[in-house]
PDB file of N, CA and C in Angstrom:
ATOM      1  N   UNK A   1     -33.170  -6.043  -1.549  1.00  0.00           N
ATOM      2  CA  UNK A   1     -32.268  -5.879  -2.668  1.00  0.00           C
ATOM      3  C   UNK A   1     -31.220  -6.997  -2.615  1.00  0.00           C
ATOM      4  N   UNK A   2     -30.939  -7.615  -3.740  1.00  0.00           N
ATOM      5  CA  UNK A   2     -29.967  -8.705  -3.819  1.00  0.00           C
ATOM      6  C   UNK A   2     -28.545  -8.166  -3.677  1.00  0.00           C
ATOM      7  N   UNK A   3     -27.752  -8.927  -2.974  1.00  0.00           N
ATOM      8  CA  UNK A   3     -26.347  -8.545  -2.776  1.00  0.00           C
ATOM      9  C   UNK A   3     -25.544  -8.877  -4.024  1.00  0.00           C
ATOM     10  N   UNK A   4     -24.660  -7.972  -4.415  1.00  0.00           N
ATOM     11  CA  UNK A   4     -23.812  -8.186  -5.580  1.00  0.00           C
ATOM     12  C   UNK A   4     -22.715  -9.170  -5.194  1.00  0.00           C
ATOM     13  N   UNK A   5     -22.713 -10.331  -5.826  1.00  0.00           N
ATOM     14  CA  UNK A   5     -21.711 -11.349  -5.508  1.00  0.00           C
ATOM     15  C   UNK A   5     -20.653 -11.477  -6.590  1.00  0.00           C
ATOM     16  N   UNK A   6     -20.710 -10.603  -7.585  1.00  0.00           N
ATOM     17  CA  UNK A   6     -19.695 -10.680  -8.638  1.00  0.00           C
ATOM     18  C   UNK A   6     -18.362 -10.169  -8.098  1.00  0.00           C
ATOM     19  N   UNK A   7     -17.255 -10.689  -8.637  1.00  0.00           N
ATOM     20  CA  UNK A   7     -15.938 -10.253  -8.156  1.00  0.00           C
ATOM     21  C   UNK A   7     -15.727  -8.763  -8.396  1.00  0.00           C
ATOM     22  N   UNK A   8     -15.009  -8.093  -7.493  1.00  0.00           N
ATOM     23  CA  UNK A   8     -14.768  -6.664  -7.680  1.00  0.00           C
ATOM     24  C   UNK A   8     -13.932  -6.395  -8.919  1.00  0.00           C
ATOM     25  N   UNK A   9     -14.200  -5.260  -9.542  1.00  0.00           N
ATOM     26  CA  UNK A   9     -13.464  -4.855 -10.735  1.00  0.00           C
ATOM     27  C   UNK A   9     -12.870  -3.476 -10.511  1.00  0.00           C
ATOM     28  N   UNK A  10     -11.746  -3.233 -11.150  1.00  0.00           N
ATOM     29  CA  UNK A  10     -11.123  -1.913 -11.121  1.00  0.00           C
ATOM     30  C   UNK A  10     -10.825  -1.480 -12.540  1.00  0.00           C
ATOM     31  N   UNK A  11     -10.945  -0.187 -12.769  1.00  0.00           N
ATOM     32  CA  UNK A  11     -10.543   0.406 -14.037  1.00  0.00           C
ATOM     33  C   UNK A  11      -9.111   0.870 -13.873  1.00  0.00           C
ATOM     34  N   UNK A  12      -8.272   0.481 -14.787  1.00  0.00           N
ATOM     35  CA  UNK A  12      -6.867   0.859 -14.742  1.00  0.00           C
ATOM     36  C   UNK A  12      -6.528   1.503 -16.072  1.00  0.00           C
ATOM     37  N   UNK A  13      -5.925   2.681 -15.996  1.00  0.00           N
ATOM     38  CA  UNK A  13      -5.561   3.377 -17.217  1.00  0.00           C
ATOM     39  C   UNK A  13      -4.144   3.900 -17.160  1.00  0.00           C
ATOM     40  N   UNK A  14      -3.580   4.093 -18.333  1.00  0.00           N
ATOM     41  CA  UNK A  14      -2.230   4.652 -18.440  1.00  0.00           C
ATOM     42  C   UNK A  14      -2.269   5.697 -19.536  1.00  0.00           C
ATOM     43  N   UNK A  15      -1.851   6.913 -19.175  1.00  0.00           N
ATOM     44  CA  UNK A  15      -1.793   7.970 -20.169  1.00  0.00           C
ATOM     45  C   UNK A  15      -0.657   7.695 -21.129  1.00  0.00           C
ATOM     46  N   UNK A  16      -0.875   8.044 -22.369  1.00  0.00           N
ATOM     47  CA  UNK A  16       0.154   7.813 -23.373  1.00  0.00           C
ATOM     48  C   UNK A  16       1.295   8.806 -23.270  1.00  0.00           C
ATOM     49  N   UNK A  17       2.450   8.362 -23.692  1.00  0.00           N
ATOM     50  CA  UNK A  17       3.610   9.244 -23.788  1.00  0.00           C
ATOM     51  C   UNK A  17       4.460   8.769 -24.951  1.00  0.00           C
ATOM     52  N   UNK A  18       5.306   9.629 -25.449  1.00  0.00           N
ATOM     53  CA  UNK A  18       6.179   9.299 -26.579  1.00  0.00           C
ATOM     54  C   UNK A  18       5.387   8.753 -27.766  1.00  0.00           C
ATOM     55  N   UNK A  19       4.255   9.377 -28.062  1.00  0.00           N
ATOM     56  CA  UNK A  19       3.462   8.963 -29.216  1.00  0.00           C
ATOM     57  C   UNK A  19       2.517   7.809 -28.944  1.00  0.00           C
ATOM     58  N   UNK A  20       2.557   7.254 -27.749  1.00  0.00           N
ATOM     59  CA  UNK A  20       1.667   6.155 -27.370  1.00  0.00           C
ATOM     60  C   UNK A  20       0.309   6.752 -27.002  1.00  0.00           C
ATOM     61  N   UNK A  21      -0.774   6.113 -27.423  1.00  0.00           N
ATOM     62  CA  UNK A  21      -2.109   6.611 -27.125  1.00  0.00           C
ATOM     63  C   UNK A  21      -2.560   6.272 -25.714  1.00  0.00           C
ATOM     64  N   UNK A  22      -1.815   5.445 -25.002  1.00  0.00           N
ATOM     65  CA  UNK A  22      -2.229   5.026 -23.674  1.00  0.00           C
ATOM     66  C   UNK A  22      -3.212   3.875 -23.759  1.00  0.00           C
ATOM     67  N   UNK A  23      -3.730   3.514 -22.610  1.00  0.00           N
ATOM     68  CA  UNK A  23      -4.673   2.397 -22.588  1.00  0.00           C
ATOM     69  C   UNK A  23      -5.517   2.462 -21.331  1.00  0.00           C
ATOM     70  N   UNK A  24      -6.657   1.797 -21.379  1.00  0.00           N
ATOM     71  CA  UNK A  24      -7.509   1.652 -20.213  1.00  0.00           C
ATOM     72  C   UNK A  24      -8.028   0.220 -20.223  1.00  0.00           C
ATOM     73  N   UNK A  25      -8.076  -0.358 -19.056  1.00  0.00           N
ATOM     74  CA  UNK A  25      -8.524  -1.743 -18.937  1.00  0.00           C
ATOM     75  C   UNK A  25      -9.449  -1.879 -17.735  1.00  0.00           C
ATOM     76  N   UNK A  26     -10.318  -2.843 -17.799  1.00  0.00           N
ATOM     77  CA  UNK A  26     -11.131  -3.217 -16.653  1.00  0.00           C
ATOM     78  C   UNK A  26     -10.596  -4.557 -16.183  1.00  0.00           C
ATOM     79  N   UNK A  27     -10.157  -4.589 -14.945  1.00  0.00           N
ATOM     80  CA  UNK A  27      -9.594  -5.816 -14.393  1.00  0.00           C
ATOM     81  C   UNK A  27     -10.518  -6.377 -13.326  1.00  0.00           C
ATOM     82  N   UNK A  28     -10.759  -7.664 -13.398  1.00  0.00           N
ATOM     83  CA  UNK A  28     -11.464  -8.346 -12.321  1.00  0.00           C
ATOM     84  C   UNK A  28     -10.402  -8.819 -11.339  1.00  0.00           C
ATOM     85  N   UNK A  29     -10.551  -8.409 -10.101  1.00  0.00           N
ATOM     86  CA  UNK A  29      -9.550  -8.763  -9.101  1.00  0.00           C
ATOM     87  C   UNK A  29      -9.633 -10.238  -8.760  1.00  0.00           C
ATOM     88  N   UNK A  30      -8.515 -10.942  -8.869  1.00  0.00           N
ATOM     89  CA  UNK A  30      -8.505 -12.330  -8.410  1.00  0.00           C
ATOM     90  C   UNK A  30      -8.750 -12.359  -6.901  1.00  0.00           C
ATOM     91  N   UNK A  31      -9.270 -13.451  -6.421  1.00  0.00           N
ATOM     92  CA  UNK A  31      -9.593 -13.573  -4.991  1.00  0.00           C
ATOM     93  C   UNK A  31      -8.398 -13.248  -4.095  1.00  0.00           C
ATOM     94  N   UNK A  32      -7.195 -13.607  -4.518  1.00  0.00           N
ATOM     95  CA  UNK A  32      -6.037 -13.353  -3.669  1.00  0.00           C
ATOM     96  C   UNK A  32      -5.696 -11.868  -3.560  1.00  0.00           C
ATOM     97  N   UNK A  33      -6.337 -11.015  -4.386  1.00  0.00           N
ATOM     98  CA  UNK A  33      -6.123  -9.574  -4.302  1.00  0.00           C
ATOM     99  C   UNK A  33      -7.334  -8.841  -3.711  1.00  0.00           C
ATOM    100  N   UNK A  34      -8.196  -9.576  -3.034  1.00  0.00           N
ATOM    101  CA  UNK A  34      -9.369  -8.966  -2.404  1.00  0.00           C
ATOM    102  C   UNK A  34      -8.963  -7.895  -1.403  1.00  0.00           C
ATOM    103  N   UNK A  35      -7.747  -7.978  -0.862  1.00  0.00           N
ATOM    104  CA  UNK A  35      -7.274  -6.997   0.111  1.00  0.00           C
ATOM    105  C   UNK A  35      -7.218  -5.589  -0.463  1.00  0.00           C
ATOM    106  N   UNK A  36      -7.215  -5.458  -1.786  1.00  0.00           N
ATOM    107  CA  UNK A  36      -7.208  -4.133  -2.409  1.00  0.00           C
ATOM    108  C   UNK A  36      -8.488  -3.354  -2.092  1.00  0.00           C
ATOM    109  N   UNK A  37      -9.549  -4.055  -1.707  1.00  0.00           N
ATOM    110  CA  UNK A  37     -10.805  -3.381  -1.378  1.00  0.00           C
ATOM    111  C   UNK A  37     -10.672  -2.509  -0.137  1.00  0.00           C
ATOM    112  N   UNK A  38      -9.591  -2.691   0.639  1.00  0.00           N
ATOM    113  CA  UNK A  38      -9.368  -1.892   1.845  1.00  0.00           C
ATOM    114  C   UNK A  38      -9.010  -0.445   1.520  1.00  0.00           C
ATOM    115  N   UNK A  39      -8.588  -0.176   0.291  1.00  0.00           N
ATOM    116  CA  UNK A  39      -8.035   1.122  -0.059  1.00  0.00           C
ATOM    117  C   UNK A  39      -9.059   2.042  -0.707  1.00  0.00           C
ATOM    118  N   UNK A  40      -8.814   3.338  -0.530  1.00  0.00           N
ATOM    119  CA  UNK A  40      -9.642   4.346  -1.189  1.00  0.00           C
ATOM    120  C   UNK A  40      -9.261   4.412  -2.670  1.00  0.00           C
ATOM    121  N   UNK A  41     -10.066   5.134  -3.430  1.00  0.00           N
ATOM    122  CA  UNK A  41      -9.769   5.294  -4.859  1.00  0.00           C
ATOM    123  C   UNK A  41      -8.405   5.957  -5.049  1.00  0.00           C
ATOM    124  N   UNK A  42      -8.097   6.970  -4.253  1.00  0.00           N
ATOM    125  CA  UNK A  42      -6.806   7.650  -4.354  1.00  0.00           C
ATOM    126  C   UNK A  42      -5.648   6.726  -4.042  1.00  0.00           C
ATOM    127  N   UNK A  43      -5.822   5.887  -3.028  1.00  0.00           N
ATOM    128  CA  UNK A  43      -4.770   4.930  -2.676  1.00  0.00           C
ATOM    129  C   UNK A  43      -4.581   3.892  -3.771  1.00  0.00           C
ATOM    130  N   UNK A  44      -5.686   3.495  -4.409  1.00  0.00           N
ATOM    131  CA  UNK A  44      -5.575   2.544  -5.518  1.00  0.00           C
ATOM    132  C   UNK A  44      -4.841   3.157  -6.703  1.00  0.00           C
ATOM    133  N   UNK A  45      -5.079   4.442  -6.956  1.00  0.00           N
ATOM    134  CA  UNK A  45      -4.344   5.128  -8.029  1.00  0.00           C
ATOM    135  C   UNK A  45      -2.853   5.083  -7.707  1.00  0.00           C
ATOM    136  N   UNK A  46      -2.510   5.353  -6.449  1.00  0.00           N
ATOM    137  CA  UNK A  46      -1.107   5.314  -6.032  1.00  0.00           C
ATOM    138  C   UNK A  46      -0.532   3.904  -6.184  1.00  0.00           C
ATOM    139  N   UNK A  47      -1.290   2.887  -5.737  1.00  0.00           N
ATOM    140  CA  UNK A  47      -0.819   1.502  -5.838  1.00  0.00           C
ATOM    141  C   UNK A  47      -0.557   1.116  -7.285  1.00  0.00           C
ATOM    142  N   UNK A  48      -1.542   1.357  -8.153  1.00  0.00           N
ATOM    143  CA  UNK A  48      -1.368   0.934  -9.541  1.00  0.00           C
ATOM    144  C   UNK A  48      -0.280   1.738 -10.245  1.00  0.00           C
ATOM    145  N   UNK A  49      -0.115   2.999  -9.881  1.00  0.00           N
ATOM    146  CA  UNK A  49       0.992   3.783 -10.437  1.00  0.00           C
ATOM    147  C   UNK A  49       2.335   3.171 -10.062  1.00  0.00           C
ATOM    148  N   UNK A  50       2.483   2.832  -8.773  1.00  0.00           N
ATOM    149  CA  UNK A  50       3.720   2.194  -8.322  1.00  0.00           C
ATOM    150  C   UNK A  50       3.894   0.822  -8.968  1.00  0.00           C
ATOM    151  N   UNK A  51       2.795   0.091  -9.100  1.00  0.00           N
ATOM    152  CA  UNK A  51       2.866  -1.243  -9.694  1.00  0.00           C
ATOM    153  C   UNK A  51       3.297  -1.171 -11.160  1.00  0.00           C
ATOM    154  N   UNK A  52       2.699  -0.256 -11.925  1.00  0.00           N
ATOM    155  CA  UNK A  52       3.082  -0.127 -13.329  1.00  0.00           C
ATOM    156  C   UNK A  52       4.546   0.268 -13.471  1.00  0.00           C
ATOM    157  N   UNK A  53       4.996   1.186 -12.623  1.00  0.00           N
ATOM    158  CA  UNK A  53       6.403   1.601 -12.677  1.00  0.00           C
ATOM    159  C   UNK A  53       7.320   0.424 -12.355  1.00  0.00           C
ATOM    160  N   UNK A  54       6.970  -0.339 -11.339  1.00  0.00           N
ATOM    161  CA  UNK A  54       7.790  -1.500 -10.957  1.00  0.00           C
ATOM    162  C   UNK A  54       7.770  -2.559 -12.054  1.00  0.00           C
ATOM    163  N   UNK A  55       6.601  -2.772 -12.656  1.00  0.00           N
ATOM    164  CA  UNK A  55       6.503  -3.750 -13.746  1.00  0.00           C
ATOM    165  C   UNK A  55       7.320  -3.318 -14.956  1.00  0.00           C
ATOM    166  N   UNK A  56       7.319  -2.035 -15.241  1.00  0.00           N
ATOM    167  CA  UNK A  56       8.112  -1.516 -16.365  1.00  0.00           C
ATOM    168  C   UNK A  56       9.589  -1.778 -16.127  1.00  0.00           C
ATOM    169  N   UNK A  57      10.063  -1.455 -14.902  1.00  0.00           N
ATOM    170  CA  UNK A  57      11.477  -1.696 -14.590  1.00  0.00           C
ATOM    171  C   UNK A  57      11.788  -3.196 -14.598  1.00  0.00           C
ATOM    172  N   UNK A  58      10.873  -3.990 -14.069  1.00  0.00           N
ATOM    173  CA  UNK A  58      11.103  -5.433 -14.016  1.00  0.00           C
ATOM    174  C   UNK A  58      11.123  -6.042 -15.415  1.00  0.00           C
ATOM    175  N   UNK A  59      10.260  -5.562 -16.289  1.00  0.00           N
ATOM    176  CA  UNK A  59      10.240  -6.076 -17.664  1.00  0.00           C
ATOM    177  C   UNK A  59      11.562  -5.789 -18.359  1.00  0.00           C
ATOM    178  N   UNK A  60      12.137  -4.628 -18.078  1.00  0.00           N
ATOM    179  CA  UNK A  60      13.410  -4.261 -18.703  1.00  0.00           C
ATOM    180  C   UNK A  60      14.572  -5.058 -18.124  1.00  0.00           C
ATOM    181  N   UNK A  61      14.532  -5.316 -16.825  1.00  0.00           N
ATOM    182  CA  UNK A  61      15.665  -5.979 -16.175  1.00  0.00           C
ATOM    183  C   UNK A  61      15.513  -7.495 -16.062  1.00  0.00           C
ATOM    184  N   UNK A  62      14.260  -7.976 -16.111  1.00  0.00           N
ATOM    185  CA  UNK A  62      14.021  -9.400 -15.907  1.00  0.00           C
ATOM    186  C   UNK A  62      13.977  -9.804 -14.442  1.00  0.00           C
ATOM    187  N   UNK A  63      14.117  -8.834 -13.537  1.00  0.00           N
ATOM    188  CA  UNK A  63      14.099  -9.103 -12.094  1.00  0.00           C
ATOM    189  C   UNK A  63      12.789  -8.573 -11.524  1.00  0.00           C
ATOM    190  N   UNK A  64      11.927  -9.479 -11.112  1.00  0.00           N
ATOM    191  CA  UNK A  64      10.600  -9.103 -10.641  1.00  0.00           C
ATOM    192  C   UNK A  64      10.502  -9.046  -9.113  1.00  0.00           C
ATOM    193  N   UNK A  65      11.630  -9.081  -8.419  1.00  0.00           N
ATOM    194  CA  UNK A  65      11.630  -9.023  -6.958  1.00  0.00           C
ATOM    195  C   UNK A  65      10.991  -7.732  -6.456  1.00  0.00           C
ATOM    196  N   UNK A  66      11.251  -6.619  -7.131  1.00  0.00           N
ATOM    197  CA  UNK A  66      10.667  -5.338  -6.718  1.00  0.00           C
ATOM    198  C   UNK A  66       9.142  -5.387  -6.788  1.00  0.00           C
ATOM    199  N   UNK A  67       8.608  -6.047  -7.799  1.00  0.00           N
ATOM    200  CA  UNK A  67       7.154  -6.163  -7.946  1.00  0.00           C
ATOM    201  C   UNK A  67       6.583  -6.961  -6.779  1.00  0.00           C
ATOM    202  N   UNK A  68       7.222  -8.077  -6.458  1.00  0.00           N
ATOM    203  CA  UNK A  68       6.779  -8.905  -5.340  1.00  0.00           C
ATOM    204  C   UNK A  68       6.838  -8.125  -4.033  1.00  0.00           C
ATOM    205  N   UNK A  69       7.949  -7.421  -3.810  1.00  0.00           N
ATOM    206  CA  UNK A  69       8.103  -6.623  -2.582  1.00  0.00           C
ATOM    207  C   UNK A  69       7.016  -5.555  -2.483  1.00  0.00           C
ATOM    208  N   UNK A  70       6.724  -4.887  -3.599  1.00  0.00           N
ATOM    209  CA  UNK A  70       5.708  -3.845  -3.618  1.00  0.00           C
ATOM    210  C   UNK A  70       4.340  -4.412  -3.251  1.00  0.00           C
ATOM    211  N   UNK A  71       3.968  -5.514  -3.874  1.00  0.00           N
ATOM    212  CA  UNK A  71       2.665  -6.124  -3.601  1.00  0.00           C
ATOM    213  C   UNK A  71       2.591  -6.571  -2.143  1.00  0.00           C
ATOM    214  N   UNK A  72       3.645  -7.178  -1.636  1.00  0.00           N
ATOM    215  CA  UNK A  72       3.646  -7.627  -0.239  1.00  0.00           C
ATOM    216  C   UNK A  72       3.539  -6.456   0.722  1.00  0.00           C
ATOM    217  N   UNK A  73       4.202  -5.332   0.421  1.00  0.00           N
ATOM    218  CA  UNK A  73       4.137  -4.160   1.290  1.00  0.00           C
ATOM    219  C   UNK A  73       2.724  -3.571   1.318  1.00  0.00           C
ATOM    220  N   UNK A  74       2.093  -3.467   0.151  1.00  0.00           N
ATOM    221  CA  UNK A  74       0.733  -2.935   0.106  1.00  0.00           C
ATOM    222  C   UNK A  74      -0.244  -3.886   0.785  1.00  0.00           C
ATOM    223  N   UNK A  75      -0.031  -5.183   0.634  1.00  0.00           N
ATOM    224  CA  UNK A  75      -0.911  -6.149   1.290  1.00  0.00           C
ATOM    225  C   UNK A  75      -0.770  -6.039   2.810  1.00  0.00           C
ATOM    226  N   UNK A  76       0.450  -5.883   3.293  1.00  0.00           N
ATOM    227  CA  UNK A  76       0.663  -5.728   4.731  1.00  0.00           C
ATOM    228  C   UNK A  76      -0.028  -4.462   5.231  1.00  0.00           C
ATOM    229  N   UNK A  77       0.033  -3.386   4.451  1.00  0.00           N
ATOM    230  CA  UNK A  77      -0.650  -2.141   4.815  1.00  0.00           C
ATOM    231  C   UNK A  77      -2.154  -2.364   4.893  1.00  0.00           C
ATOM    232  N   UNK A  78      -2.716  -3.097   3.942  1.00  0.00           N
ATOM    233  CA  UNK A  78      -4.158  -3.391   3.952  1.00  0.00           C
ATOM    234  C   UNK A  78      -4.526  -4.180   5.204  1.00  0.00           C
ATOM    235  N   UNK A  79      -3.686  -5.133   5.577  1.00  0.00           N
ATOM    236  CA  UNK A  79      -3.962  -5.934   6.767  1.00  0.00           C
ATOM    237  C   UNK A  79      -3.913  -5.074   8.024  1.00  0.00           C
ATOM    238  N   UNK A  80      -2.941  -4.164   8.093  1.00  0.00           N
ATOM    239  CA  UNK A  80      -2.849  -3.255   9.245  1.00  0.00           C
ATOM    240  C   UNK A  80      -4.076  -2.353   9.280  1.00  0.00           C
ATOM    241  N   UNK A  81      -4.443  -1.790   8.128  1.00  0.00           N
ATOM    242  CA  UNK A  81      -5.592  -0.885   8.071  1.00  0.00           C
ATOM    243  C   UNK A  81      -6.896  -1.571   8.447  1.00  0.00           C
ATOM    244  N   UNK A  82      -6.992  -2.871   8.222  1.00  0.00           N
ATOM    245  CA  UNK A  82      -8.227  -3.584   8.539  1.00  0.00           C
ATOM    246  C   UNK A  82      -8.321  -3.930  10.024  1.00  0.00           C
ATOM    247  N   UNK A  83      -7.227  -3.785  10.759  1.00  0.00           N
ATOM    248  CA  UNK A  83      -7.209  -4.047  12.204  1.00  0.00           C
ATOM    249  C   UNK A  83      -7.437  -2.723  12.930  1.00  0.00           C
ATOM    250  N   UNK A  84      -8.668  -2.470  13.331  1.00  0.00           N
ATOM    251  CA  UNK A  84      -9.018  -1.172  13.913  1.00  0.00           C
ATOM    252  C   UNK A  84      -8.287  -0.913  15.230  1.00  0.00           C
ATOM    253  N   UNK A  85      -8.032  -1.944  16.015  1.00  0.00           N
ATOM    254  CA  UNK A  85      -7.305  -1.761  17.277  1.00  0.00           C
ATOM    255  C   UNK A  85      -5.876  -1.316  16.992  1.00  0.00           C
ATOM    256  N   UNK A  86      -5.216  -2.006  16.083  1.00  0.00           N
ATOM    257  CA  UNK A  86      -3.838  -1.656  15.734  1.00  0.00           C
ATOM    258  C   UNK A  86      -3.763  -0.262  15.122  1.00  0.00           C
ATOM    259  N   UNK A  87      -4.708   0.049  14.242  1.00  0.00           N
ATOM    260  CA  UNK A  87      -4.731   1.367  13.613  1.00  0.00           C
ATOM    261  C   UNK A  87      -4.894   2.463  14.668  1.00  0.00           C
ATOM    262  N   UNK A  88      -5.766   2.245  15.648  1.00  0.00           N
ATOM    263  CA  UNK A  88      -5.959   3.230  16.719  1.00  0.00           C
ATOM    264  C   UNK A  88      -4.681   3.402  17.530  1.00  0.00           C
ATOM    265  N   UNK A  89      -3.975   2.307  17.811  1.00  0.00           N
ATOM    266  CA  UNK A  89      -2.720   2.389  18.563  1.00  0.00           C
ATOM    267  C   UNK A  89      -1.651   3.146  17.785  1.00  0.00           C
ATOM    268  N   UNK A  90      -1.588   2.916  16.490  1.00  0.00           N
ATOM    269  CA  UNK A  90      -0.630   3.643  15.651  1.00  0.00           C
ATOM    270  C   UNK A  90      -0.958   5.134  15.648  1.00  0.00           C
ATOM    271  N   UNK A  91      -2.241   5.465  15.493  1.00  0.00           N
ATOM    272  CA  UNK A  91      -2.650   6.875  15.495  1.00  0.00           C
ATOM    273  C   UNK A  91      -2.333   7.538  16.836  1.00  0.00           C
ATOM    274  N   UNK A  92      -2.552   6.819  17.946  1.00  0.00           N
ATOM    275  CA  UNK A  92      -2.202   7.350  19.275  1.00  0.00           C
ATOM    276  C   UNK A  92      -0.702   7.629  19.354  1.00  0.00           C
ATOM    277  N   UNK A  93       0.101   6.699  18.879  1.00  0.00           N
ATOM    278  CA  UNK A  93       1.549   6.869  18.887  1.00  0.00           C
ATOM    279  C   UNK A  93       1.996   8.052  18.046  1.00  0.00           C
ATOM    280  N   UNK A  94       1.388   8.222  16.890  1.00  0.00           N
ATOM    281  CA  UNK A  94       1.731   9.362  16.028  1.00  0.00           C
ATOM    282  C   UNK A  94       1.362  10.687  16.689  1.00  0.00           C
ATOM    283  N   UNK A  95       0.221  10.707  17.413  1.00  0.00           N
ATOM    284  CA  UNK A  95      -0.167  11.923  18.144  1.00  0.00           C
ATOM    285  C   UNK A  95       0.844  12.232  19.247  1.00  0.00           C
ATOM    286  N   UNK A  96       1.312  11.201  19.945  1.00  0.00           N
ATOM    287  CA  UNK A  96       2.313  11.405  20.988  1.00  0.00           C
ATOM    288  C   UNK A  96       3.605  11.965  20.397  1.00  0.00           C
ATOM    289  N   UNK A  97       4.014  11.448  19.277  1.00  0.00           N
ATOM    290  CA  UNK A  97       5.221  11.961  18.615  1.00  0.00           C
ATOM    291  C   UNK A  97       5.018  13.422  18.221  1.00  0.00           C
ATOM    292  N   UNK A  98       3.856  13.733  17.652  1.00  0.00           N
ATOM    293  CA  UNK A  98       3.577  15.097  17.201  1.00  0.00           C
ATOM    294  C   UNK A  98       3.580  16.096  18.352  1.00  0.00           C
ATOM    295  N   UNK A  99       3.190  15.648  19.536  1.00  0.00           N
ATOM    296  CA  UNK A  99       3.156  16.558  20.690  1.00  0.00           C
ATOM    297  C   UNK A  99       4.468  16.540  21.462  1.00  0.00           C
ATOM    298  N   UNK A 100       5.436  15.783  20.974  1.00  0.00           N
ATOM    299  CA  UNK A 100       6.739  15.752  21.635  1.00  0.00           C
ATOM    300  C   UNK A 100       6.809  14.814  22.810  1.00  0.00           C
ATOM    301  N   UNK A 101       5.827  13.993  22.986  1.00  0.00           N
ATOM    302  CA  UNK A 101       5.787  13.040  24.096  1.00  0.00           C
ATOM    303  C   UNK A 101       6.583  11.787  23.700  1.00  0.00           C
ATOM    304  N   UNK A 102       7.914  11.958  23.631  1.00  0.00           N
ATOM    305  CA  UNK A 102       8.789  10.876  23.188  1.00  0.00           C
ATOM    306  C   UNK A 102      10.006  10.775  24.104  1.00  0.00           C
ATOM    307  N   UNK A 103      10.663   9.646  24.027  1.00  0.00           N
ATOM    308  CA  UNK A 103      11.943   9.441  24.712  1.00  0.00           C
ATOM    309  C   UNK A 103      12.960   9.127  23.617  1.00  0.00           C
ATOM    310  N   UNK A 104      14.025   9.907  23.577  1.00  0.00           N
ATOM    311  CA  UNK A 104      15.059   9.670  22.570  1.00  0.00           C
ATOM    312  C   UNK A 104      15.792   8.369  22.878  1.00  0.00           C
ATOM    313  N   UNK A 105      16.190   7.659  21.837  1.00  0.00           N
ATOM    314  CA  UNK A 105      16.879   6.394  21.994  1.00  0.00           C
ATOM    315  C   UNK A 105      18.132   6.558  22.852  1.00  0.00           C
ATOM    316  N   UNK A 106      18.872   7.625  22.608  1.00  0.00           N
ATOM    317  CA  UNK A 106      20.103   7.854  23.374  1.00  0.00           C
ATOM    318  C   UNK A 106      19.803   8.014  24.863  1.00  0.00           C
ATOM    319  N   UNK A 107      18.723   8.735  25.191  1.00  0.00           N
ATOM    320  CA  UNK A 107      18.337   8.928  26.597  1.00  0.00           C
ATOM    321  C   UNK A 107      17.931   7.599  27.221  1.00  0.00           C
ATOM    322  N   UNK A 108      17.195   6.791  26.487  1.00  0.00           N
ATOM    323  CA  UNK A 108      16.776   5.490  26.993  1.00  0.00           C
ATOM    324  C   UNK A 108      17.979   4.586  27.216  1.00  0.00           C
ATOM    325  N   UNK A 109      18.903   4.569  26.272  1.00  0.00           N
ATOM    326  CA  UNK A 109      20.109   3.749  26.425  1.00  0.00           C
ATOM    327  C   UNK A 109      20.926   4.202  27.627  1.00  0.00           C
ATOM    328  N   UNK A 110      21.029   5.501  27.815  1.00  0.00           N
ATOM    329  CA  UNK A 110      21.778   6.051  28.939  1.00  0.00           C
ATOM    330  C   UNK A 110      21.102   5.643  30.256  1.00  0.00           C
ATOM    331  N   UNK A 111      19.769   5.773  30.291  1.00  0.00           N
ATOM    332  CA  UNK A 111      19.027   5.415  31.504  1.00  0.00           C
ATOM    333  C   UNK A 111      19.172   3.923  31.812  1.00  0.00           C
ATOM    334  N   UNK A 112      19.071   3.092  30.800  1.00  0.00           N
ATOM    335  CA  UNK A 112      19.204   1.646  31.025  1.00  0.00           C
ATOM    336  C   UNK A 112      20.621   1.262  31.376  1.00  0.00           C
ATOM    337  N   UNK A 113      21.589   1.994  30.842  1.00  0.00           N
ATOM    338  CA  UNK A 113      23.004   1.714  31.136  1.00  0.00           C
ATOM    339  C   UNK A 113      23.381   2.085  32.565  1.00  0.00           C
ATOM    340  N   UNK A 114      22.621   3.008  33.155  1.00  0.00           N
ATOM    341  CA  UNK A 114      22.902   3.443  34.512  1.00  0.00           C
ATOM    342  C   UNK A 114      22.419   2.441  35.551  1.00  0.00           C
ATOM    343  N   UNK A 115      21.708   1.466  35.175  1.00  0.00           N
ATOM    344  CA  UNK A 115      21.143   0.490  36.130  1.00  0.00           C
ATOM    345  C   UNK A 115      22.113  -0.602  36.450  1.00  0.00           C
TER     346      UNK A 115
END
């Protein structure tokens, strides 16, 4: 079977409000957004929801810094998620926190100050 080499596409939709009928679009992801393939469908819904909200605010204010910050944060998350060693270490750390296997900052500072 031949491998699909066409660029990935996503369906993006917005429900209408205030008399707006809404819209749906098919977007071909530019190569620089290939990192979006790391996410599940649910995560992509969350990303595009946040992106549309940020774009709406940015369009009103003229300040697109929030949009840039949002995209950079999601891209960093994709990079972390693609590193299986790092992801495993994070999950181990979260399990330790959940079981109470932690040292409070104040206790650590006190212990280090006693030396």
